[in-house]
Each structure stands twice: as C-alpha cells, then as structure tokens.
PDB file of N, CA and C in Angstrom:
ATOM      1  N   MET A   1      37.499 -92.625  51.664  1.00  0.00           N
ATOM      2  CA  MET A   1      37.789 -93.970  51.361  1.00  0.00           C
ATOM      3  C   MET A   1      36.652 -94.876  51.938  1.00  0.00           C
ATOM      4  N   LYS A   2      36.203 -95.753  51.090  1.00  0.00           N
ATOM      5  CA  LYS A   2      35.002 -96.612  51.471  1.00  0.00           C
ATOM      6  C   LYS A   2      35.564 -97.815  52.141  1.00  0.00           C
ATOM      7  N   SER A   3      34.643 -98.423  53.068  1.00  0.00           N
ATOM      8  CA  SER A   3      34.974 -99.683  53.821  1.00  0.00           C
ATOM      9  C   SER A   3      34.714-100.791  52.772  1.00  0.00           C
ATOM     10  N   GLN A   4      35.143-102.047  53.149  1.00  0.00           N
ATOM     11  CA  GLN A   4      35.058-103.097  52.256  1.00  0.00           C
ATOM     12  C   GLN A   4      33.455-103.438  52.040  1.00  0.00           C
ATOM     13  N   GLY A   5      32.709-103.209  53.078  1.00  0.00           N
ATOM     14  CA  GLY A   5      31.267-103.336  53.011  1.00  0.00           C
ATOM     15  C   GLY A   5      30.519-102.382  52.157  1.00  0.00           C
ATOM     16  N   GLU A   6      31.169-101.202  52.259  1.00  0.00           N
ATOM     17  CA  GLU A   6      30.499-100.124  51.401  1.00  0.00           C
ATOM     18  C   GLU A   6      30.814-100.412  49.959  1.00  0.00           C
ATOM     19  N   ILE A   7      31.949-100.947  49.609  1.00  0.00           N
ATOM     20  CA  ILE A   7      32.357-101.317  48.172  1.00  0.00           C
ATOM     21  C   ILE A   7      31.404-102.493  47.707  1.00  0.00           C
ATOM     22  N   GLU A   8      31.131-103.540  48.584  1.00  0.00           N
ATOM     23  CA  GLU A   8      30.361-104.642  48.237  1.00  0.00           C
ATOM     24  C   GLU A   8      29.012-104.266  48.083  1.00  0.00           C
ATOM     25  N   ALA A   9      28.493-103.317  48.828  1.00  0.00           N
ATOM     26  CA  ALA A   9      27.144-102.782  48.637  1.00  0.00           C
ATOM     27  C   ALA A   9      26.840-101.940  47.436  1.00  0.00           C
ATOM     28  N   ALA A  10      27.910-101.123  47.108  1.00  0.00           N
ATOM     29  CA  ALA A  10      27.790-100.433  45.958  1.00  0.00           C
ATOM     30  C   ALA A  10      27.779-101.134  44.737  1.00  0.00           C
ATOM     31  N   ILE A  11      28.609-102.285  44.602  1.00  0.00           N
ATOM     32  CA  ILE A  11      28.613-103.144  43.528  1.00  0.00           C
ATOM     33  C   ILE A  11      27.289-103.977  43.386  1.00  0.00           C
ATOM     34  N   CYS A  12      26.806-104.310  44.615  1.00  0.00           N
ATOM     35  CA  CYS A  12      25.426-105.057  44.439  1.00  0.00           C
ATOM     36  C   CYS A  12      24.330-104.143  43.795  1.00  0.00           C
ATOM     37  N   GLU A  13      24.396-102.729  44.329  1.00  0.00           N
ATOM     38  CA  GLU A  13      23.473-101.809  43.766  1.00  0.00           C
ATOM     39  C   GLU A  13      23.712-101.534  42.278  1.00  0.00           C
ATOM     40  N   GLY A  14      24.950-101.535  41.874  1.00  0.00           N
ATOM     41  CA  GLY A  14      25.219-101.279  40.352  1.00  0.00           C
ATOM     42  C   GLY A  14      24.764-102.395  39.658  1.00  0.00           C
ATOM     43  N   VAL A  15      25.084-103.544  40.070  1.00  0.00           N
ATOM     44  CA  VAL A  15      24.760-104.878  39.211  1.00  0.00           C
ATOM     45  C   VAL A  15      23.165-105.048  39.170  1.00  0.00           C
ATOM     46  N   SER A  16      22.552-104.691  40.340  1.00  0.00           N
ATOM     47  CA  SER A  16      21.129-104.942  40.369  1.00  0.00           C
ATOM     48  C   SER A  16      20.399-103.968  39.245  1.00  0.00           C
ATOM     49  N   ARG A  17      20.946-102.641  39.323  1.00  0.00           N
ATOM     50  CA  ARG A  17      20.425-101.733  38.282  1.00  0.00           C
ATOM     51  C   ARG A  17      20.734-102.118  36.946  1.00  0.00           C
ATOM     52  N   PHE A  18      21.831-102.752  36.706  1.00  0.00           N
ATOM     53  CA  PHE A  18      22.136-103.273  35.341  1.00  0.00           C
ATOM     54  C   PHE A  18      21.107-104.274  35.013  1.00  0.00           C
ATOM     55  N   GLU A  19      20.943-105.261  35.840  1.00  0.00           N
ATOM     56  CA  GLU A  19      19.903-106.527  35.602  1.00  0.00           C
ATOM     57  C   GLU A  19      18.603-105.842  35.371  1.00  0.00           C
ATOM     58  N   GLN A  20      18.069-104.856  36.206  1.00  0.00           N
ATOM     59  CA  GLN A  20      16.839-104.215  35.850  1.00  0.00           C
ATOM     60  C   GLN A  20      16.852-103.668  34.634  1.00  0.00           C
ATOM     61  N   GLU A  21      17.652-102.763  34.159  1.00  0.00           N
ATOM     62  CA  GLU A  21      17.750-102.030  32.891  1.00  0.00           C
ATOM     63  C   GLU A  21      17.932-102.812  31.785  1.00  0.00           C
ATOM     64  N   TYR A  22      18.966-103.818  31.752  1.00  0.00           N
ATOM     65  CA  TYR A  22      19.212-104.579  30.583  1.00  0.00           C
ATOM     66  C   TYR A  22      18.689-106.031  30.436  1.00  0.00           C
ATOM     67  N   MET A  23      18.109-106.607  31.541  1.00  0.00           N
ATOM     68  CA  MET A  23      17.565-107.911  31.491  1.00  0.00           C
ATOM     69  C   MET A  23      16.005-107.756  31.720  1.00  0.00           C
ATOM     70  N   GLY A  24      15.573-106.658  32.182  1.00  0.00           N
ATOM     71  CA  GLY A  24      14.087-106.459  32.284  1.00  0.00           C
ATOM     72  C   GLY A  24      13.507-106.712  33.700  1.00  0.00           C
ATOM     73  N   ARG A  25      14.395-107.318  34.537  1.00  0.00           N
ATOM     74  CA  ARG A  25      14.042-107.354  36.092  1.00  0.00           C
ATOM     75  C   ARG A  25      15.204-107.617  36.789  1.00  0.00           C
ATOM     76  N   GLY A  26      15.122-107.108  38.091  1.00  0.00           N
ATOM     77  CA  GLY A  26      16.239-107.163  38.971  1.00  0.00           C
ATOM     78  C   GLY A  26      16.242-108.466  39.664  1.00  0.00           C
ATOM     79  N   PRO A  27      17.349-108.926  40.389  1.00  0.00           N
ATOM     80  CA  PRO A  27      17.367-110.164  41.078  1.00  0.00           C
ATOM     81  C   PRO A  27      16.548-109.977  42.302  1.00  0.00           C
ATOM     82  N   LYS A  28      16.113-111.180  42.933  1.00  0.00           N
ATOM     83  CA  LYS A  28      15.365-111.279  44.117  1.00  0.00           C
ATOM     84  C   LYS A  28      16.428-111.061  45.358  1.00  0.00           C
ATOM     85  N   ASP A  29      17.690-111.523  45.031  1.00  0.00           N
ATOM     86  CA  ASP A  29      18.710-111.420  46.015  1.00  0.00           C
ATOM     87  C   ASP A  29      20.129-111.228  45.363  1.00  0.00           C
ATOM     88  N   VAL A  30      20.892-110.415  45.892  1.00  0.00           N
ATOM     89  CA  VAL A  30      22.354-110.152  45.318  1.00  0.00           C
ATOM     90  C   VAL A  30      23.355-109.993  46.593  1.00  0.00           C
ATOM     91  N   HIS A  31      24.331-110.515  46.337  1.00  0.00           N
ATOM     92  CA  HIS A  31      25.496-110.445  47.247  1.00  0.00           C
ATOM     93  C   HIS A  31      26.761-110.380  46.598  1.00  0.00           C
ATOM     94  N   THR A  32      27.715-109.492  47.109  1.00  0.00           N
ATOM     95  CA  THR A  32      29.012-109.399  46.668  1.00  0.00           C
ATOM     96  C   THR A  32      30.029-109.581  47.713  1.00  0.00           C
ATOM     97  N   HIS A  33      31.182-110.301  47.186  1.00  0.00           N
ATOM     98  CA  HIS A  33      32.135-110.632  48.062  1.00  0.00           C
ATOM     99  C   HIS A  33      33.490-110.242  47.504  1.00  0.00           C
ATOM    100  N   LEU A  34      34.214-109.400  48.205  1.00  0.00           N
ATOM    101  CA  LEU A  34      35.592-108.933  47.743  1.00  0.00           C
ATOM    102  C   LEU A  34      36.732-109.664  48.459  1.00  0.00           C
ATOM    103  N   ILE A  35      37.231-110.443  47.644  1.00  0.00           N
ATOM    104  CA  ILE A  35      38.397-111.257  48.175  1.00  0.00           C
ATOM    105  C   ILE A  35      39.686-111.017  47.495  1.00  0.00           C
ATOM    106  N   GLY A  36      40.460-110.261  47.924  1.00  0.00           N
ATOM    107  CA  GLY A  36      41.750-109.740  47.286  1.00  0.00           C
ATOM    108  C   GLY A  36      41.413-109.066  46.104  1.00  0.00           C
ATOM    109  N   ASP A  37      41.852-109.542  45.001  1.00  0.00           N
ATOM    110  CA  ASP A  37      41.652-108.908  43.756  1.00  0.00           C
ATOM    111  C   ASP A  37      40.400-109.415  42.995  1.00  0.00           C
ATOM    112  N   LEU A  38      39.595-110.289  43.697  1.00  0.00           N
ATOM    113  CA  LEU A  38      38.480-111.009  42.886  1.00  0.00           C
ATOM    114  C   LEU A  38      37.152-110.299  43.559  1.00  0.00           C
ATOM    115  N   LEU A  39      36.278-110.030  42.710  1.00  0.00           N
ATOM    116  CA  LEU A  39      34.966-109.458  43.124  1.00  0.00           C
ATOM    117  C   LEU A  39      33.868-110.426  42.560  1.00  0.00           C
ATOM    118  N   ILE A  40      33.299-111.209  43.525  1.00  0.00           N
ATOM    119  CA  ILE A  40      32.397-112.078  43.128  1.00  0.00           C
ATOM    120  C   ILE A  40      30.878-111.726  43.418  1.00  0.00           C
ATOM    121  N   VAL A  41      30.019-111.717  42.411  1.00  0.00           N
ATOM    122  CA  VAL A  41      28.732-111.271  42.610  1.00  0.00           C
ATOM    123  C   VAL A  41      27.797-112.373  42.365  1.00  0.00           C
ATOM    124  N   ARG A  42      26.916-112.765  43.264  1.00  0.00           N
ATOM    125  CA  ARG A  42      26.027-113.732  43.285  1.00  0.00           C
ATOM    126  C   ARG A  42      24.646-113.312  43.282  1.00  0.00           C
ATOM    127  N   LEU A  43      23.842-113.523  42.133  1.00  0.00           N
ATOM    128  CA  LEU A  43      22.506-113.081  41.986  1.00  0.00           C
ATOM    129  C   LEU A  43      21.617-114.249  42.118  1.00  0.00           C
ATOM    130  N   GLN A  44      20.511-114.080  42.736  1.00  0.00           N
ATOM    131  CA  GLN A  44      19.437-115.190  42.930  1.00  0.00           C
ATOM    132  C   GLN A  44      18.170-114.664  42.368  1.00  0.00           C
ATOM    133  N   GLY A  45      17.362-115.517  41.583  1.00  0.00           N
ATOM    134  CA  GLY A  45      16.104-115.122  41.215  1.00  0.00           C
ATOM    135  C   GLY A  45      16.081-114.112  39.997  1.00  0.00           C
ATOM    136  N   VAL A  46      17.029-114.415  39.029  1.00  0.00           N
ATOM    137  CA  VAL A  46      17.132-113.577  37.875  1.00  0.00           C
ATOM    138  C   VAL A  46      16.396-113.774  36.681  1.00  0.00           C
ATOM    139  N   LEU A  47      15.911-115.177  36.457  1.00  0.00           N
ATOM    140  CA  LEU A  47      15.272-115.527  35.255  1.00  0.00           C
ATOM    141  C   LEU A  47      13.812-114.848  35.245  1.00  0.00           C
ATOM    142  N   THR A  48      13.589-114.333  33.942  1.00  0.00           N
ATOM    143  CA  THR A  48      12.356-113.648  33.663  1.00  0.00           C
ATOM    144  C   THR A  48      11.337-114.864  33.549  1.00  0.00           C
ATOM    145  N   ALA A  49      10.001-114.604  33.616  1.00  0.00           N
ATOM    146  CA  ALA A  49       8.814-115.633  33.231  1.00  0.00           C
ATOM    147  C   ALA A  49       9.177-116.261  31.858  1.00  0.00           C
ATOM    148  N   ALA A  50       9.556-115.405  30.804  1.00  0.00           N
ATOM    149  CA  ALA A  50       9.750-115.887  29.542  1.00  0.00           C
ATOM    150  C   ALA A  50      10.803-116.749  29.437  1.00  0.00           C
ATOM    151  N   GLU A  51      11.979-116.450  30.206  1.00  0.00           N
ATOM    152  CA  GLU A  51      13.219-117.281  30.166  1.00  0.00           C
ATOM    153  C   GLU A  51      12.794-118.588  31.022  1.00  0.00           C
ATOM    154  N   GLN A  52      12.134-118.771  31.992  1.00  0.00           N
ATOM    155  CA  GLN A  52      11.681-119.862  32.786  1.00  0.00           C
ATOM    156  C   GLN A  52      10.929-120.775  31.744  1.00  0.00           C
ATOM    157  N   GLN A  53       9.929-120.159  30.895  1.00  0.00           N
ATOM    158  CA  GLN A  53       9.137-120.876  30.014  1.00  0.00           C
ATOM    159  C   GLN A  53      10.004-121.472  28.982  1.00  0.00           C
ATOM    160  N   LEU A  54      10.874-120.802  28.438  1.00  0.00           N
ATOM    161  CA  LEU A  54      11.740-121.183  27.272  1.00  0.00           C
ATOM    162  C   LEU A  54      12.555-122.416  27.618  1.00  0.00           C
ATOM    163  N   VAL A  55      13.032-122.401  29.093  1.00  0.00           N
ATOM    164  CA  VAL A  55      13.827-123.573  29.559  1.00  0.00           C
ATOM    165  C   VAL A  55      12.829-124.723  29.729  1.00  0.00           C
ATOM    166  N   LYS A  56      11.634-124.486  30.288  1.00  0.00           N
ATOM    167  CA  LYS A  56      10.718-125.786  30.346  1.00  0.00           C
ATOM    168  C   LYS A  56      10.262-126.388  28.988  1.00  0.00           C
ATOM    169  N   THR A  57      10.049-125.622  28.086  1.00  0.00           N
ATOM    170  CA  THR A  57       9.330-125.952  26.881  1.00  0.00           C
ATOM    171  C   THR A  57      10.243-126.600  25.804  1.00  0.00           C
ATOM    172  N   LEU A  58      11.426-126.054  25.699  1.00  0.00           N
ATOM    173  CA  LEU A  58      12.443-126.751  24.788  1.00  0.00           C
ATOM    174  C   LEU A  58      13.120-128.018  25.339  1.00  0.00           C
ATOM    175  N   ALA A  59      13.787-128.672  24.473  1.00  0.00           N
ATOM    176  CA  ALA A  59      14.473-129.844  24.989  1.00  0.00           C
ATOM    177  C   ALA A  59      15.581-129.236  25.987  1.00  0.00           C
ATOM    178  N   PRO A  60      15.767-130.038  27.055  1.00  0.00           N
ATOM    179  CA  PRO A  60      16.734-129.414  28.159  1.00  0.00           C
ATOM    180  C   PRO A  60      17.969-128.784  27.681  1.00  0.00           C
ATOM    181  N   GLU A  61      18.775-129.474  26.858  1.00  0.00           N
ATOM    182  CA  GLU A  61      20.016-128.881  26.323  1.00  0.00           C
ATOM    183  C   GLU A  61      19.847-127.639  25.517  1.00  0.00           C
ATOM    184  N   LYS A  62      18.763-127.794  24.771  1.00  0.00           N
ATOM    185  CA  LYS A  62      18.563-126.522  23.720  1.00  0.00           C
ATOM    186  C   LYS A  62      18.109-125.273  24.531  1.00  0.00           C
ATOM    187  N   GLY A  63      17.125-125.524  25.447  1.00  0.00           N
ATOM    188  CA  GLY A  63      16.600-124.325  26.123  1.00  0.00           C
ATOM    189  C   GLY A  63      17.724-123.644  26.963  1.00  0.00           C
ATOM    190  N   ARG A  64      18.435-124.560  27.649  1.00  0.00           N
ATOM    191  CA  ARG A  64      19.613-124.185  28.598  1.00  0.00           C
ATOM    192  C   ARG A  64      20.664-123.389  27.775  1.00  0.00           C
ATOM    193  N   ASP A  65      21.014-123.936  26.617  1.00  0.00           N
ATOM    194  CA  ASP A  65      22.032-123.381  25.799  1.00  0.00           C
ATOM    195  C   ASP A  65      21.781-121.958  25.085  1.00  0.00           C
ATOM    196  N   LEU A  66      20.473-121.992  24.714  1.00  0.00           N
ATOM    197  CA  LEU A  66      19.895-120.778  24.166  1.00  0.00           C
ATOM    198  C   LEU A  66      19.984-119.621  25.214  1.00  0.00           C
ATOM    199  N   LEU A  67      19.361-119.926  26.396  1.00  0.00           N
ATOM    200  CA  LEU A  67      19.300-118.945  27.559  1.00  0.00           C
ATOM    201  C   LEU A  67      20.671-118.302  27.858  1.00  0.00           C
ATOM    202  N   LYS A  68      21.689-119.305  28.003  1.00  0.00           N
ATOM    203  CA  LYS A  68      23.070-119.135  28.412  1.00  0.00           C
ATOM    204  C   LYS A  68      23.690-118.069  27.247  1.00  0.00           C
ATOM    205  N   GLN A  69      23.432-118.529  25.903  1.00  0.00           N
ATOM    206  CA  GLN A  69      24.043-117.820  24.847  1.00  0.00           C
ATOM    207  C   GLN A  69      23.529-116.201  24.840  1.00  0.00           C
ATOM    208  N   VAL A  70      22.155-116.172  25.103  1.00  0.00           N
ATOM    209  CA  VAL A  70      21.422-114.822  25.095  1.00  0.00           C
ATOM    210  C   VAL A  70      21.994-113.896  26.339  1.00  0.00           C
ATOM    211  N   ARG A  71      22.105-114.643  27.501  1.00  0.00           N
ATOM    212  CA  ARG A  71      22.675-113.942  28.642  1.00  0.00           C
ATOM    213  C   ARG A  71      24.037-113.520  28.557  1.00  0.00           C
ATOM    214  N   THR A  72      24.880-114.534  27.971  1.00  0.00           N
ATOM    215  CA  THR A  72      26.310-114.053  27.786  1.00  0.00           C
ATOM    216  C   THR A  72      26.480-113.043  26.764  1.00  0.00           C
ATOM    217  N   GLN A  73      25.722-112.992  25.746  1.00  0.00           N
ATOM    218  CA  GLN A  73      25.809-111.984  24.663  1.00  0.00           C
ATOM    219  C   GLN A  73      25.370-110.573  25.332  1.00  0.00           C
ATOM    220  N   LEU A  74      24.261-110.502  26.124  1.00  0.00           N
ATOM    221  CA  LEU A  74      23.969-109.149  26.862  1.00  0.00           C
ATOM    222  C   LEU A  74      25.005-108.788  27.824  1.00  0.00           C
ATOM    223  N   ILE A  75      25.692-109.663  28.541  1.00  0.00           N
ATOM    224  CA  ILE A  75      26.787-109.249  29.448  1.00  0.00           C
ATOM    225  C   ILE A  75      27.928-108.685  28.636  1.00  0.00           C
ATOM    226  N   GLU A  76      28.251-109.319  27.483  1.00  0.00           N
ATOM    227  CA  GLU A  76      29.368-108.980  26.630  1.00  0.00           C
ATOM    228  C   GLU A  76      29.092-107.583  26.014  1.00  0.00           C
ATOM    229  N   THR A  77      27.746-107.437  25.819  1.00  0.00           N
ATOM    230  CA  THR A  77      27.565-106.065  25.066  1.00  0.00           C
ATOM    231  C   THR A  77      27.670-104.988  26.066  1.00  0.00           C
ATOM    232  N   ALA A  78      27.036-105.112  27.397  1.00  0.00           N
ATOM    233  CA  ALA A  78      27.102-104.181  28.326  1.00  0.00           C
ATOM    234  C   ALA A  78      28.497-104.213  29.124  1.00  0.00           C
ATOM    235  N   ARG A  79      29.340-105.111  28.849  1.00  0.00           N
ATOM    236  CA  ARG A  79      30.710-105.196  29.553  1.00  0.00           C
ATOM    237  C   ARG A  79      31.362-103.964  29.860  1.00  0.00           C
ATOM    238  N   PRO A  80      31.409-102.956  28.837  1.00  0.00           N
ATOM    239  CA  PRO A  80      32.080-101.689  29.131  1.00  0.00           C
ATOM    240  C   PRO A  80      31.338-100.881  30.369  1.00  0.00           C
ATOM    241  N   LEU A  81      30.125-100.878  30.365  1.00  0.00           N
ATOM    242  CA  LEU A  81      29.299-100.265  31.298  1.00  0.00           C
ATOM    243  C   LEU A  81      29.628-100.913  32.814  1.00  0.00           C
ATOM    244  N   MET A  82      29.533-102.240  32.842  1.00  0.00           N
ATOM    245  CA  MET A  82      29.825-102.955  34.046  1.00  0.00           C
ATOM    246  C   MET A  82      31.316-102.630  34.578  1.00  0.00           C
ATOM    247  N   GLU A  83      32.243-102.678  33.544  1.00  0.00           N
ATOM    248  CA  GLU A  83      33.657-102.477  34.079  1.00  0.00           C
ATOM    249  C   GLU A  83      33.772-101.070  34.472  1.00  0.00           C
ATOM    250  N   ALA A  84      33.198-100.018  33.922  1.00  0.00           N
ATOM    251  CA  ALA A  84      33.348 -98.649  34.281  1.00  0.00           C
ATOM    252  C   ALA A  84      32.647 -98.508  35.720  1.00  0.00           C
ATOM    253  N   MET A  85      31.657 -99.246  36.074  1.00  0.00           N
ATOM    254  CA  MET A  85      30.847 -99.130  37.210  1.00  0.00           C
ATOM    255  C   MET A  85      31.887 -99.680  38.340  1.00  0.00           C
ATOM    256  N   VAL A  86      32.340-100.800  38.038  1.00  0.00           N
ATOM    257  CA  VAL A  86      33.312-101.520  39.004  1.00  0.00           C
ATOM    258  C   VAL A  86      34.520-100.627  39.242  1.00  0.00           C
ATOM    259  N   MET A  87      35.104-100.028  38.209  1.00  0.00           N
ATOM    260  CA  MET A  87      36.139 -99.089  38.430  1.00  0.00           C
ATOM    261  C   MET A  87      35.900 -97.798  39.187  1.00  0.00           C
ATOM    262  N   GLU A  88      34.735 -97.437  38.984  1.00  0.00           N
ATOM    263  CA  GLU A  88      34.395 -96.214  39.812  1.00  0.00           C
ATOM    264  C   GLU A  88      34.239 -96.481  41.242  1.00  0.00           C
ATOM    265  N   VAL A  89      33.621 -97.687  41.499  1.00  0.00           N
ATOM    266  CA  VAL A  89      33.494 -98.057  43.017  1.00  0.00           C
ATOM    267  C   VAL A  89      34.646 -98.527  43.527  1.00  0.00           C
ATOM    268  N   THR A  90      35.638 -99.182  42.956  1.00  0.00           N
ATOM    269  CA  THR A  90      36.762 -99.855  43.582  1.00  0.00           C
ATOM    270  C   THR A  90      37.969 -99.078  43.272  1.00  0.00           C
ATOM    271  N   GLY A  91      38.037 -98.235  42.348  1.00  0.00           N
ATOM    272  CA  GLY A  91      39.276 -97.611  41.948  1.00  0.00           C
ATOM    273  C   GLY A  91      40.363 -98.368  41.261  1.00  0.00           C
ATOM    274  N   CYS A  92      39.885 -99.565  40.916  1.00  0.00           N
ATOM    275  CA  CYS A  92      40.720-100.497  40.224  1.00  0.00           C
ATOM    276  C   CYS A  92      40.175-100.995  38.753  1.00  0.00           C
ATOM    277  N   LYS A  93      41.068-101.105  37.786  1.00  0.00           N
ATOM    278  CA  LYS A  93      40.785-101.569  36.493  1.00  0.00           C
ATOM    279  C   LYS A  93      40.288-102.999  36.500  1.00  0.00           C
ATOM    280  N   VAL A  94      39.304-103.241  35.778  1.00  0.00           N
ATOM    281  CA  VAL A  94      38.826-104.733  35.587  1.00  0.00           C
ATOM    282  C   VAL A  94      39.739-105.565  34.563  1.00  0.00           C
ATOM    283  N   VAL A  95      40.452-106.577  34.976  1.00  0.00           N
ATOM    284  CA  VAL A  95      41.135-107.440  34.075  1.00  0.00           C
ATOM    285  C   VAL A  95      40.412-108.395  33.257  1.00  0.00           C
ATOM    286  N   SER A  96      39.411-108.987  33.803  1.00  0.00           N
ATOM    287  CA  SER A  96      38.659-109.919  33.174  1.00  0.00           C
ATOM    288  C   SER A  96      37.289-110.136  33.981  1.00  0.00           C
ATOM    289  N   LEU A  97      36.284-110.675  33.113  1.00  0.00           N
ATOM    290  CA  LEU A  97      34.945-110.751  33.699  1.00  0.00           C
ATOM    291  C   LEU A  97      34.624-112.236  33.207  1.00  0.00           C
ATOM    292  N   HIS A  98      34.057-112.760  34.152  1.00  0.00           N
ATOM    293  CA  HIS A  98      33.492-114.312  34.011  1.00  0.00           C
ATOM    294  C   HIS A  98      32.003-114.273  34.358  1.00  0.00           C
ATOM    295  N   HIS A  99      31.190-115.117  33.784  1.00  0.00           N
ATOM    296  CA  HIS A  99      29.807-115.088  33.931  1.00  0.00           C
ATOM    297  C   HIS A  99      29.209-116.461  33.596  1.00  0.00           C
ATOM    298  N   ASP A 100      28.183-116.849  34.548  1.00  0.00           N
ATOM    299  CA  ASP A 100      27.504-118.117  34.172  1.00  0.00           C
ATOM    300  C   ASP A 100      26.186-117.864  34.929  1.00  0.00           C
ATOM    301  N   ILE A 101      25.233-118.792  34.491  1.00  0.00           N
ATOM    302  CA  ILE A 101      23.841-118.728  34.993  1.00  0.00           C
ATOM    303  C   ILE A 101      23.384-120.087  35.078  1.00  0.00           C
ATOM    304  N   SER A 102      22.643-120.512  36.028  1.00  0.00           N
ATOM    305  CA  SER A 102      21.886-121.665  36.182  1.00  0.00           C
ATOM    306  C   SER A 102      20.559-121.690  35.832  1.00  0.00           C
ATOM    307  N   THR A 103      20.188-122.449  34.864  1.00  0.00           N
ATOM    308  CA  THR A 103      18.684-122.515  34.346  1.00  0.00           C
ATOM    309  C   THR A 103      17.846-123.338  35.251  1.00  0.00           C
ATOM    310  N   MET A 104      18.491-123.915  36.060  1.00  0.00           N
ATOM    311  CA  MET A 104      17.686-124.780  37.141  1.00  0.00           C
ATOM    312  C   MET A 104      17.315-123.899  38.431  1.00  0.00           C
ATOM    313  N   THR A 105      18.375-123.195  38.802  1.00  0.00           N
ATOM    314  CA  THR A 105      18.097-122.462  40.218  1.00  0.00           C
ATOM    315  C   THR A 105      17.765-121.036  39.890  1.00  0.00           C
ATOM    316  N   GLY A 106      18.121-120.457  38.683  1.00  0.00           N
ATOM    317  CA  GLY A 106      17.914-119.093  38.448  1.00  0.00           C
ATOM    318  C   GLY A 106      19.007-118.282  39.179  1.00  0.00           C
ATOM    319  N   GLU A 107      20.087-118.956  39.636  1.00  0.00           N
ATOM    320  CA  GLU A 107      21.360-118.231  40.128  1.00  0.00           C
ATOM    321  C   GLU A 107      22.320-117.761  39.098  1.00  0.00           C
ATOM    322  N   GLU A 108      22.843-116.630  39.287  1.00  0.00           N
ATOM    323  CA  GLU A 108      23.792-116.193  38.335  1.00  0.00           C
ATOM    324  C   GLU A 108      25.070-115.672  39.008  1.00  0.00           C
ATOM    325  N   LEU A 109      26.262-115.964  38.502  1.00  0.00           N
ATOM    326  CA  LEU A 109      27.486-115.562  39.060  1.00  0.00           C
ATOM    327  C   LEU A 109      28.185-114.568  38.138  1.00  0.00           C
ATOM    328  N   VAL A 110      28.653-113.526  38.456  1.00  0.00           N
ATOM    329  CA  VAL A 110      29.597-112.545  37.750  1.00  0.00           C
ATOM    330  C   VAL A 110      30.734-112.393  38.637  1.00  0.00           C
ATOM    331  N   VAL A 111      31.975-112.740  38.115  1.00  0.00           N
ATOM    332  CA  VAL A 111      33.236-112.670  38.787  1.00  0.00           C
ATOM    333  C   VAL A 111      34.166-111.783  37.923  1.00  0.00           C
ATOM    334  N   PHE A 112      34.678-110.661  38.759  1.00  0.00           N
ATOM    335  CA  PHE A 112      35.515-109.625  38.078  1.00  0.00           C
ATOM    336  C   PHE A 112      36.821-109.947  38.760  1.00  0.00           C
ATOM    337  N   THR A 113      37.895-109.935  37.941  1.00  0.00           N
ATOM    338  CA  THR A 113      39.267-109.987  38.356  1.00  0.00           C
ATOM    339  C   THR A 113      39.811-108.608  38.232  1.00  0.00           C
ATOM    340  N   LEU A 114      40.377-108.044  39.246  1.00  0.00           N
ATOM    341  CA  LEU A 114      40.819-106.640  39.310  1.00  0.00           C
ATOM    342  C   LEU A 114      42.253-106.606  39.011  1.00  0.00           C
ATOM    343  N   SER A 115      42.760-105.340  38.697  1.00  0.00           N
ATOM    344  CA  SER A 115      44.164-105.282  38.437  1.00  0.00           C
ATOM    345  C   SER A 115      45.032-105.316  39.779  1.00  0.00           C
ATOM    346  N   GLU A 116      44.241-105.006  40.857  1.00  0.00           N
ATOM    347  CA  GLU A 116      45.028-105.139  42.063  1.00  0.00           C
ATOM    348  C   GLU A 116      43.871-105.308  43.399  1.00  0.00           C
ATOM    349  N   PRO A 117      44.135-105.656  44.520  1.00  0.00           N
ATOM    350  CA  PRO A 117      43.162-105.518  45.454  1.00  0.00           C
ATOM    351  C   PRO A 117      42.857-103.982  45.747  1.00  0.00           C
ATOM    352  N   PRO A 118      41.474-103.701  45.849  1.00  0.00           N
ATOM    353  CA  PRO A 118      41.077-102.279  46.120  1.00  0.00           C
ATOM    354  C   PRO A 118      41.549-101.809  47.591  1.00  0.00           C
ATOM    355  N   LEU A 119      41.811-100.641  47.705  1.00  0.00           N
ATOM    356  CA  LEU A 119      42.180-100.071  49.028  1.00  0.00           C
ATOM    357  C   LEU A 119      40.819 -99.848  49.761  1.00  0.00           C
ATOM    358  N   PHE A 120      40.690-100.031  51.050  1.00  0.00           N
ATOM    359  CA  PHE A 120      39.459 -99.797  51.795  1.00  0.00           C
ATOM    360  C   PHE A 120      39.793 -99.496  53.180  1.00  0.00           C
ATOM    361  N   ARG A 121      39.196 -98.721  53.781  1.00  0.00           N
ATOM    362  CA  ARG A 121      39.277 -98.538  55.155  1.00  0.00           C
ATOM    363  C   ARG A 121      38.768 -99.561  56.111  1.00  0.00           C
ATOM    364  N   GLU A 122      39.240 -99.719  57.278  1.00  0.00           N
ATOM    365  CA  GLU A 122      38.752-100.694  58.208  1.00  0.00           C
ATOM    366  C   GLU A 122      37.429-100.248  58.674  1.00  0.00           C
ATOM    367  N   ALA A 123      36.345-101.112  58.705  1.00  0.00           N
ATOM    368  CA  ALA A 123      34.997-100.727  59.259  1.00  0.00           C
ATOM    369  C   ALA A 123      35.227-100.514  60.732  1.00  0.00           C
ATOM    370  N   LYS A 124      34.413 -99.562  61.212  1.00  0.00           N
ATOM    371  CA  LYS A 124      34.189 -99.232  62.533  1.00  0.00           C
ATOM    372  C   LYS A 124      33.667-100.321  63.331  1.00  0.00           C
ATOM    373  N   ARG A 125      34.209-100.739  64.482  1.00  0.00           N
ATOM    374  CA  ARG A 125      33.635-101.751  65.248  1.00  0.00           C
ATOM    375  C   ARG A 125      32.640-101.124  66.186  1.00  0.00           C
ATOM    376  N   LYS A 126      31.574-101.730  66.462  1.00  0.00           N
ATOM    377  CA  LYS A 126      30.573-101.314  67.483  1.00  0.00           C
ATOM    378  C   LYS A 126      30.793-101.789  68.811  1.00  0.00           C
TER     379      LYS A 126
END
C-alpha cells in the first residue's frame, strides 16, 4: 500500500508524462494534492512557445478562447488514458475530471473527483 505522498508523486509523474507526450512539453513544476476524494493537480509553465505567441498576437479574448478550446479538446480526447492512470495509482474510479488553464500565467489545474477517498498507509515519521 502506498503512502499519500507516494500517491501524489505518482500522479505528478503520470500527468507530467501525459503533458510531454500529448502537449509537446512537460510542465516546469507540478504538484498534486489528495484531499479526501479530490485529486488536485497544479501544473506551472505548461504553455508552449507557439501557444504563448498565439495568445500575444490575437485579440485577447480570441487567443485565450482558442487556446482553452484546444487544450480542453486534447484533455477530453486523452481522458480515458488519464483516468486509467489515476485508477491504477489510487485504486479508485474517476467520477469526474475538471480542467482549466490560465493564458496569463501558464498555470493549469486538473481536478479529479474519485469514487471514494483512496486508502493509503501512514507515512513513517523520521
């Protein structure tokens, strides 16, 4: 049985790998927080150079909306893979997935709602 920290680290690794393979680059920083049946993944520095340029050159709303649409479509397309990875790590079924990205800061949030809080062992204290 994994500890909470090991679950969070495995989710970070899986989401980073997904970003690298599907989006073309991995995040500069990624953190996962397991809070009951919620799994919150915060990625920073995820925008590619092309995406940054798109946001800069188009009208603010148009560039932002276009980028969010593309990112959302990619997440939805790969959703079964992400859900399988989360289920493998946590042992819990994914009930829902929520996603958003900031075109200003390059920060992305992915929230998984799980069927139940995952079981984990208490971490050993030093």
